[in-house]
């Protein structure tokens, strides 16, 4: 089953959008992330990807209060991400209502620790974010502010061999600019890791892009900017869900 997952990106408790992860392009969309989450829930969406950009920059989550509000006033299954580094961060995220957490920087910096997270909390709750610019296929972390020397496919393989089930991958060169998803990249990942549950993001322009990703075997698509700019409407999303 293919699933579409809206994303809300947070800075200082506000919903924002960026281009290619560049914080200098920050634009506030709403002061009320909860209201946006409730709009998504109202048309039948079941999941939400909640990105704590403050946490990603600082290395520890900062917007737990928004997580708590959304999980307290909706039934959305929230995947929380941004600066989750320690066991304490993981536990606290779950205490504030997250159904799963997605981890990027800690997986790159402390791979054995992240592998232990998969064992300790279960592969249904611990997701890997492996975000890259295909120009070099190197992993980018800390809210994409830092490039590592880690190869994307080697990185995925290390955790795939240790039980990883859920992977989110963003082509950061396309994120927030609506130039179309990198289908070639996603297809390579699926071919090499056939049992991975891939959530793809970056470049989505409209409903047709969801269909293209679904057709090549992507399991879910994380979207944001196309909705916030009106390229995809709530009605479009509702129709797609009903057709699916």
Protein backbone atom coordinates (compact mmCIF):
# COMPACT_ATOMS: atom_id res chain seq x y z
CA UNK A 1 0.00 0.00 0.00
CA UNK A 2 1.29 3.44 -0.97
CA UNK A 3 0.87 6.25 1.55
CA UNK A 4 1.21 10.01 1.28
CA UNK A 5 2.58 11.74 4.38
CA UNK A 6 2.44 15.51 4.90
CA UNK A 7 5.34 17.23 6.62
CA UNK A 8 5.42 20.17 8.98
CA UNK A 9 8.79 21.84 9.50
CA UNK A 10 9.23 23.77 12.75
CA UNK A 11 11.40 26.71 13.76
CA UNK A 12 10.60 28.41 17.06
CA UNK A 13 7.29 26.59 17.22
CA UNK A 14 6.15 27.95 13.85
CA UNK A 15 5.51 26.10 10.60
CA UNK A 16 8.09 27.14 7.98
CA UNK A 17 9.33 26.22 4.54
CA UNK A 18 12.85 26.26 3.13
CA UNK A 19 14.46 25.80 -0.26
CA UNK A 20 17.00 22.98 -0.50
CA UNK A 21 17.29 23.01 3.28
CA UNK A 22 18.81 26.50 3.28
CA UNK A 23 17.86 28.24 6.54
CA UNK A 24 18.45 31.62 4.88
CA UNK A 25 15.32 30.98 2.78
CA UNK A 26 13.12 30.47 5.85
CA UNK A 27 9.54 31.59 5.33
CA UNK A 28 6.90 31.31 8.05
CA UNK A 29 3.75 29.62 6.75
CA UNK A 30 1.73 29.53 9.95
CA UNK A 31 1.98 30.29 13.64
CA UNK A 32 -0.37 27.38 14.33
CA UNK A 33 1.09 23.98 13.32
CA UNK A 34 -1.74 22.21 15.16
CA UNK A 35 -4.35 23.78 12.89
CA UNK A 36 -2.46 22.60 9.81
CA UNK A 37 -2.20 19.08 11.26
CA UNK A 38 -5.94 19.08 11.92
CA UNK A 39 -6.59 20.06 8.29
CA UNK A 40 -4.60 17.05 7.10
CA UNK A 41 -6.46 14.77 9.50
CA UNK A 42 -9.84 16.12 8.35
CA UNK A 43 -9.45 14.64 4.85
CA UNK A 44 -8.37 11.20 6.02
CA UNK A 45 -4.60 11.38 6.22
CA UNK A 46 -3.27 9.13 8.97
CA UNK A 47 0.38 10.11 9.41
CA UNK A 48 2.43 13.26 9.82
CA UNK A 49 6.17 13.84 9.50
CA UNK A 50 7.06 16.51 12.08
CA UNK A 51 10.50 18.07 11.61
CA UNK A 52 12.11 19.97 14.48
CA UNK A 53 14.61 22.14 12.60
CA UNK A 54 15.75 23.82 15.81
CA UNK A 55 16.58 20.39 17.14
CA UNK A 56 18.37 19.38 13.95
CA UNK A 57 20.65 22.42 14.18
CA UNK A 58 21.32 22.14 17.90
CA UNK A 59 21.62 18.39 18.24
CA UNK A 60 18.67 17.86 20.59
CA UNK A 61 14.90 18.28 20.08
CA UNK A 62 13.44 21.67 21.01
CA UNK A 63 9.80 21.52 19.90
CA UNK A 64 8.38 18.75 22.08
CA UNK A 65 5.50 21.05 22.99
CA UNK A 66 4.31 21.10 19.37
CA UNK A 67 4.61 17.31 19.19
CA UNK A 68 2.55 17.05 22.37
CA UNK A 69 -0.12 19.42 21.07
CA UNK A 70 -0.54 17.59 17.76
CA UNK A 71 -0.64 14.13 19.31
CA UNK A 72 -2.95 15.37 22.04
CA UNK A 73 -5.51 17.02 19.74
CA UNK A 74 -5.39 14.73 16.70
CA UNK A 75 -5.25 11.00 16.08
CA UNK A 76 -2.43 11.39 13.58
CA UNK A 77 0.44 8.95 13.88
CA UNK A 78 3.33 11.37 14.18
CA UNK A 79 6.84 10.56 13.03
CA UNK A 80 9.11 12.99 14.89
CA UNK A 81 12.58 14.01 13.75
CA UNK A 82 15.24 16.62 14.46
CA UNK A 83 18.20 16.29 16.80
CA UNK A 84 17.25 12.93 18.32
CA UNK A 85 20.60 11.63 19.54
CA UNK A 86 20.33 9.74 22.83
CA UNK A 87 18.14 7.10 24.44
CA UNK A 88 16.68 9.92 26.50
CA UNK A 89 15.67 11.81 23.34
CA UNK A 90 13.98 8.71 21.92
CA UNK A 91 12.12 7.96 25.14
CA UNK A 92 11.01 11.57 25.54
CA UNK A 93 9.73 11.68 21.95
CA UNK A 94 7.56 8.65 22.63
CA UNK A 95 6.40 10.11 25.95
CA UNK A 96 5.20 13.23 24.11
CA UNK A 97 3.20 11.08 21.71
CA UNK A 98 5.38 10.20 18.71
CA UNK A 99 4.57 6.82 17.14
CA UNK A 100 7.99 6.67 15.50
CA UNK A 101 11.18 8.69 15.28
CA UNK A 102 13.39 9.35 12.30
CA UNK A 103 17.09 9.80 12.97
CA UNK A 104 19.80 11.16 10.70
CA UNK A 105 22.81 12.75 12.41
CA UNK A 106 23.09 10.24 15.26
CA UNK A 107 22.99 7.36 12.77
CA UNK A 108 25.89 8.91 10.86
CA UNK A 109 27.91 9.87 13.92
CA UNK A 110 27.13 6.88 16.14
CA UNK A 111 26.13 3.98 13.87
CA UNK A 112 26.37 1.30 16.55
CA UNK A 113 24.11 3.35 18.82
CA UNK A 114 21.51 3.71 16.10
CA UNK A 115 21.68 -0.02 15.37
CA UNK A 116 21.01 -0.60 19.07
CA UNK A 117 17.99 1.73 18.89
CA UNK A 118 16.50 -0.60 16.25
CA UNK A 119 16.98 -3.56 18.59
CA UNK A 120 15.82 -1.77 21.74
CA UNK A 121 12.71 0.00 20.44
CA UNK A 122 11.84 -2.15 17.44
CA UNK A 123 12.11 -1.67 13.71
CA UNK A 124 8.55 -0.30 13.50
CA UNK A 125 9.49 2.71 15.64
CA UNK A 126 13.01 3.63 14.53
CA UNK A 127 13.44 5.09 11.04
CA UNK A 128 16.64 6.10 9.27
CA UNK A 129 16.89 9.38 7.37
CA UNK A 130 19.55 9.16 4.67
CA UNK A 131 19.54 12.48 2.85
CA UNK A 132 21.95 13.28 0.06
CA UNK A 133 22.83 15.37 -2.95
CA UNK A 134 23.17 12.90 -5.85
CA UNK A 135 26.06 14.95 -7.21
CA UNK A 136 28.27 13.03 -4.77
CA UNK A 137 25.90 10.61 -2.95
CA UNK A 138 27.31 11.68 0.43
CA UNK A 139 25.11 11.78 3.51
CA UNK A 140 24.13 15.24 4.79
CA UNK A 141 23.26 15.78 8.46
CA UNK A 142 22.44 18.48 11.05
CA UNK A 143 19.49 19.78 9.06
CA UNK A 144 21.59 19.31 5.89
CA UNK A 145 24.05 21.91 7.12
CA UNK A 146 26.92 19.40 7.27
CA UNK A 147 28.15 17.06 4.55
CA UNK A 148 29.82 13.83 5.63
CA UNK A 149 32.16 11.50 3.76
CA UNK A 150 29.69 8.62 4.17
CA UNK A 151 28.41 7.02 0.97
CA UNK A 152 24.61 6.83 0.79
CA UNK A 153 24.41 3.18 -0.24
CA UNK A 154 27.07 1.99 2.21
CA UNK A 155 25.19 3.83 4.95
CA UNK A 156 21.87 2.21 4.15
CA UNK A 157 23.45 -1.23 3.78
CA UNK A 158 25.04 -1.09 7.24
CA UNK A 159 21.64 -0.70 8.90
CA UNK A 160 19.73 -2.84 6.40
CA UNK A 161 21.95 -5.73 7.47
CA UNK A 162 21.01 -4.96 11.09
CA UNK A 163 17.26 -5.07 10.63
CA UNK A 164 16.33 -1.62 9.32
CA UNK A 165 12.84 -1.56 7.81
CA UNK A 166 11.96 2.12 7.33
CA UNK A 167 14.09 4.55 5.35
CA UNK A 168 13.38 8.16 4.45
CA UNK A 169 15.52 9.53 1.65
CA UNK A 170 15.57 13.11 0.40
CA UNK A 171 17.35 14.45 -2.64
CA UNK A 172 18.31 17.72 -0.98
CA UNK A 173 19.02 19.40 -4.33
CA UNK A 174 15.31 19.12 -5.15
CA UNK A 175 13.77 19.72 -1.76
CA UNK A 176 11.50 22.74 -1.64
CA UNK A 177 11.93 23.67 -5.31
CA UNK A 178 9.31 21.42 -6.94
CA UNK A 179 11.45 20.19 -9.83
CA UNK A 180 10.13 16.65 -9.66
CA UNK A 181 11.26 13.69 -7.54
CA UNK A 182 14.50 11.88 -8.26
CA UNK A 183 12.95 8.64 -9.47
CA UNK A 184 16.30 7.27 -10.63
CA UNK A 185 17.78 7.56 -7.14
CA UNK A 186 14.77 5.94 -5.50
CA UNK A 187 14.72 3.10 -7.99
CA UNK A 188 18.38 2.33 -7.30
CA UNK A 189 17.65 2.15 -3.57
CA UNK A 190 14.69 -0.18 -4.08
CA UNK A 191 16.64 -2.47 -6.42
CA UNK A 192 19.53 -2.78 -3.98
CA UNK A 193 17.40 -3.08 -0.84
CA UNK A 194 14.24 -4.86 -2.01
CA UNK A 195 12.53 -5.22 1.38
CA UNK A 196 13.13 -1.65 2.54
CA UNK A 197 10.08 0.53 3.15
CA UNK A 198 11.17 3.68 1.34
CA UNK A 199 9.63 7.06 2.10
CA UNK A 200 10.81 9.43 -0.60
CA UNK A 201 10.81 13.22 -0.43
CA UNK A 202 12.04 16.18 -2.40
CA UNK A 203 10.76 17.82 -5.56
CA UNK A 204 7.10 16.79 -5.48
CA UNK A 205 5.04 19.03 -7.78
CA UNK A 206 1.63 17.41 -7.80
CA UNK A 207 -0.48 14.27 -7.60
CA UNK A 208 1.13 12.76 -10.70
CA UNK A 209 4.46 12.61 -8.88
CA UNK A 210 2.84 10.47 -6.19
CA UNK A 211 1.68 8.08 -8.90
CA UNK A 212 5.13 7.91 -10.47
CA UNK A 213 6.76 7.05 -7.16
CA UNK A 214 4.10 4.48 -6.36
CA UNK A 215 4.63 2.82 -9.75
CA UNK A 216 8.35 2.24 -9.19
CA UNK A 217 7.82 0.69 -5.75
CA UNK A 218 8.23 3.61 -3.35
CA UNK A 219 6.10 2.84 -0.28
CA UNK A 220 5.33 6.40 0.82
CA UNK A 221 5.93 9.98 -0.22
CA UNK A 222 6.62 12.85 2.17
CA UNK A 223 5.42 16.19 0.82
CA UNK A 224 5.24 19.78 1.98
CA UNK A 225 5.97 22.76 -0.22
CA UNK A 226 3.66 21.79 -3.09
CA UNK A 227 0.77 21.86 -0.65
CA UNK A 228 1.80 25.07 1.08
CA UNK A 229 2.12 26.83 -2.29
CA UNK A 230 -1.27 25.61 -3.47
CA UNK A 231 0.03 23.26 -6.17
CA UNK A 232 -1.71 20.44 -4.31
CA UNK A 233 -5.00 21.16 -2.53
CA UNK A 234 -6.76 19.37 0.30
CA UNK A 235 -9.35 18.23 -2.25
CA UNK A 236 -6.61 16.82 -4.49
CA UNK A 237 -5.22 14.87 -1.54
CA UNK A 238 -8.66 13.65 -0.50
CA UNK A 239 -9.42 12.44 -4.04
CA UNK A 240 -6.09 10.63 -4.26
CA UNK A 241 -6.70 8.87 -0.94
CA UNK A 242 -10.17 7.77 -2.03
CA UNK A 243 -8.94 6.50 -5.38
CA UNK A 244 -6.13 4.58 -3.71
